[in-house]
Amino acid sequence: MEEQTAGMSEEDAERERVLSRVRIIMPIATIPHELEVAIRAAIDAGVQSEQLHDAERRVQLLRARASAHDQLLVAIATRAQGPCEKQFPVLRNLRSRAARLHKRMKSCAWKFRSKKHVSS
């Protein structure tokens, strides 16, 4: 390694290189695995765990975010038709009233159209 500064051993240079990689990946990582791989490489290079504390917290945040995303997708996929109606009878009444009104409007529109055709 030609970029080594004076007095820095090859192991120290490797530790600095992998630690800088962790610092670069940390803010842009979108899934936990990306950052976990960089952390493992840093640990294998001998970086102290105290130096990786922020990166490990970021992994926990990304895991929590991924878990919440998965739970949301499951909730959307398994959503029953009108679950709020069971909890709120007012909504059920409003929905049935809206359906009746919609039916009436359709029949009135049909009558209006048919009268228009008859008179012409």
Foldseek 3Di string as FASTA:
>chain_A
DVPDDPPADPLNVQLVVLLVVLVVCLVVDQALVVNVVSVVSNVVSPNDVVSCVVSVVSSVVNVVVVVVVVVVVVCVVPPDPPPVCVVPVVVVVVVVVVVVVVVVVVVVVVVVVVVVVVVD
